[in-house]
Amino acid sequence: MGGFRAGGPVAGFLRGAATVDVDLVLERQSCLLILCSWNSVASSRTAGPVEDVRVSVPDGFYRWRVVAVSGSGSYRFYGQPR
């Protein structure tokens, strides 16, 4: 699974079709020796097709995760960094 290194301001915007409810989650990788996991650090979980996350994060390795809640259809993601 891909990710990105970041430290400072991070923003993500998700817009889906009117028939879809999606959530946007920013996760940070946490490693202890050789065991790594992903932990949620910020999220937008509103009902509906538009989600927006803006947060300042410490230096680390991150990924965006899109969670389908209900409905079907396409979505478009805009993020910095992407």
C-alpha atoms as a PDB file:
ATOM      1  CA  MET A   1       0.000   0.000   0.000  1.00  0.00           C
ATOM      2  CA  GLY A   2       1.414   3.388  -0.958  1.00  0.00           C
ATOM      3  CA  GLY A   3       1.995   6.299   1.327  1.00  0.00           C
ATOM      4  CA  PHE A   4       3.909   9.542   1.671  1.00  0.00           C
ATOM      5  CA  ARG A   5       6.285  11.264   4.058  1.00  0.00           C
ATOM      6  CA  ALA A   6       4.960  14.465   5.602  1.00  0.00           C
ATOM      7  CA  GLY A   7       5.495  16.902   8.425  1.00  0.00           C
ATOM      8  CA  GLY A   8       3.391  20.054   8.755  1.00  0.00           C
ATOM      9  CA  PRO A   9       0.135  20.943   6.991  1.00  0.00           C
ATOM     10  CA  VAL A  10      -1.709  18.113   5.229  1.00  0.00           C
ATOM     11  CA  ALA A  11      -5.053  18.477   3.446  1.00  0.00           C
ATOM     12  CA  GLY A  12      -7.373  16.025   1.731  1.00  0.00           C
ATOM     13  CA  PHE A  13     -10.672  16.589  -0.054  1.00  0.00           C
ATOM     14  CA  LEU A  14     -12.986  13.865  -1.320  1.00  0.00           C
ATOM     15  CA  ARG A  15     -16.017  14.389  -3.524  1.00  0.00           C
ATOM     16  CA  GLY A  16     -18.238  11.467  -4.478  1.00  0.00           C
ATOM     17  CA  ALA A  17     -21.333  10.953  -6.579  1.00  0.00           C
ATOM     18  CA  ALA A  18     -24.599  12.053  -4.959  1.00  0.00           C
ATOM     19  CA  THR A  19     -25.512   8.382  -4.427  1.00  0.00           C
ATOM     20  CA  VAL A  20     -22.459   7.507  -2.319  1.00  0.00           C
ATOM     21  CA  ASP A  21     -21.501   8.082   1.320  1.00  0.00           C
ATOM     22  CA  VAL A  22     -17.729   7.878   1.823  1.00  0.00           C
ATOM     23  CA  ASP A  23     -15.384   8.790   4.677  1.00  0.00           C
ATOM     24  CA  LEU A  24     -11.825  10.096   4.407  1.00  0.00           C
ATOM     25  CA  VAL A  25      -9.185   8.965   6.916  1.00  0.00           C
ATOM     26  CA  LEU A  26      -5.554  10.053   7.327  1.00  0.00           C
ATOM     27  CA  GLU A  27      -3.404   7.319   8.889  1.00  0.00           C
ATOM     28  CA  ARG A  28       0.144   7.349  10.241  1.00  0.00           C
ATOM     29  CA  GLN A  29       2.447   4.352  10.152  1.00  0.00           C
ATOM     30  CA  SER A  30       3.797   3.236  13.502  1.00  0.00           C
ATOM     31  CA  CYS A  31       6.610   0.671  13.699  1.00  0.00           C
ATOM     32  CA  LEU A  32       8.155  -1.201  16.601  1.00  0.00           C
ATOM     33  CA  LEU A  33      11.176  -3.238  15.497  1.00  0.00           C
ATOM     34  CA  ILE A  34       9.765  -5.104  12.457  1.00  0.00           C
ATOM     35  CA  LEU A  35       6.049  -4.871  13.296  1.00  0.00           C
ATOM     36  CA  CYS A  36       4.230  -1.966  11.659  1.00  0.00           C
ATOM     37  CA  SER A  37       0.619  -0.804  11.842  1.00  0.00           C
ATOM     38  CA  TRP A  38      -1.489   2.122  10.627  1.00  0.00           C
ATOM     39  CA  ASN A  39      -3.271   4.391  13.113  1.00  0.00           C
ATOM     40  CA  SER A  40      -5.921   7.004  12.341  1.00  0.00           C
ATOM     41  CA  VAL A  41      -4.754  10.560  13.111  1.00  0.00           C
ATOM     42  CA  ALA A  42      -7.537  12.575  11.443  1.00  0.00           C
ATOM     43  CA  SER A  43     -10.788  11.860   9.646  1.00  0.00           C
ATOM     44  CA  SER A  44     -13.925  13.312   8.140  1.00  0.00           C
ATOM     45  CA  ARG A  45     -16.985  11.100   8.604  1.00  0.00           C
ATOM     46  CA  THR A  46     -19.927  13.263   7.607  1.00  0.00           C
ATOM     47  CA  ALA A  47     -23.020  11.734   6.023  1.00  0.00           C
ATOM     48  CA  GLY A  48     -22.884  12.391   2.324  1.00  0.00           C
ATOM     49  CA  PRO A  49     -20.524  12.536  -0.636  1.00  0.00           C
ATOM     50  CA  VAL A  50     -18.128  15.341   0.443  1.00  0.00           C
ATOM     51  CA  GLU A  51     -15.310  14.971   3.008  1.00  0.00           C
ATOM     52  CA  ASP A  52     -12.578  17.443   4.003  1.00  0.00           C
ATOM     53  CA  VAL A  53      -9.538  16.881   6.275  1.00  0.00           C
ATOM     54  CA  ARG A  54      -7.034  19.621   7.151  1.00  0.00           C
ATOM     55  CA  VAL A  55      -4.476  19.012   9.882  1.00  0.00           C
ATOM     56  CA  SER A  56      -0.866  19.701  10.861  1.00  0.00           C
ATOM     57  CA  VAL A  57       1.093  16.501  11.494  1.00  0.00           C
ATOM     58  CA  PRO A  58       4.497  15.622  12.950  1.00  0.00           C
ATOM     59  CA  ASP A  59       7.145  14.171  10.633  1.00  0.00           C
ATOM     60  CA  GLY A  60       6.201  10.635   9.661  1.00  0.00           C
ATOM     61  CA  PHE A  61       4.897   8.276   6.987  1.00  0.00           C
ATOM     62  CA  TYR A  62       1.191   8.653   6.148  1.00  0.00           C
ATOM     63  CA  ARG A  63      -1.524   7.362   3.836  1.00  0.00           C
ATOM     64  CA  TRP A  64      -5.030   8.411   2.871  1.00  0.00           C
ATOM     65  CA  ARG A  65      -7.812   5.831   3.195  1.00  0.00           C
ATOM     66  CA  VAL A  66     -11.262   6.083   1.629  1.00  0.00           C
ATOM     67  CA  VAL A  67     -13.991   4.130   3.421  1.00  0.00           C
ATOM     68  CA  ALA A  68     -17.220   3.315   1.578  1.00  0.00           C
ATOM     69  CA  VAL A  69     -20.153   3.650   3.992  1.00  0.00           C
ATOM     70  CA  SER A  70     -23.154   3.213   1.708  1.00  0.00           C
ATOM     71  CA  GLY A  71     -24.355   3.590  -1.845  1.00  0.00           C
ATOM     72  CA  SER A  72     -22.343   3.213  -5.003  1.00  0.00           C
ATOM     73  CA  GLY A  73     -20.642   5.469  -7.492  1.00  0.00           C
ATOM     74  CA  SER A  74     -17.347   7.122  -8.237  1.00  0.00           C
ATOM     75  CA  TYR A  75     -15.374   9.628  -6.221  1.00  0.00           C
ATOM     76  CA  ARG A  76     -12.489  12.027  -6.795  1.00  0.00           C
ATOM     77  CA  PHE A  77      -9.681  12.681  -4.325  1.00  0.00           C
ATOM     78  CA  TYR A  78      -7.594  15.859  -4.082  1.00  0.00           C
ATOM     79  CA  GLY A  79      -4.788  16.007  -1.568  1.00  0.00           C
ATOM     80  CA  GLN A  80      -1.658  17.814  -0.545  1.00  0.00           C
ATOM     81  CA  PRO A  81       0.535  15.881  -0.436  1.00  0.00           C
ATOM     82  CA  ARG A  82      -1.174  13.289  -2.567  1.00  0.00           C
END
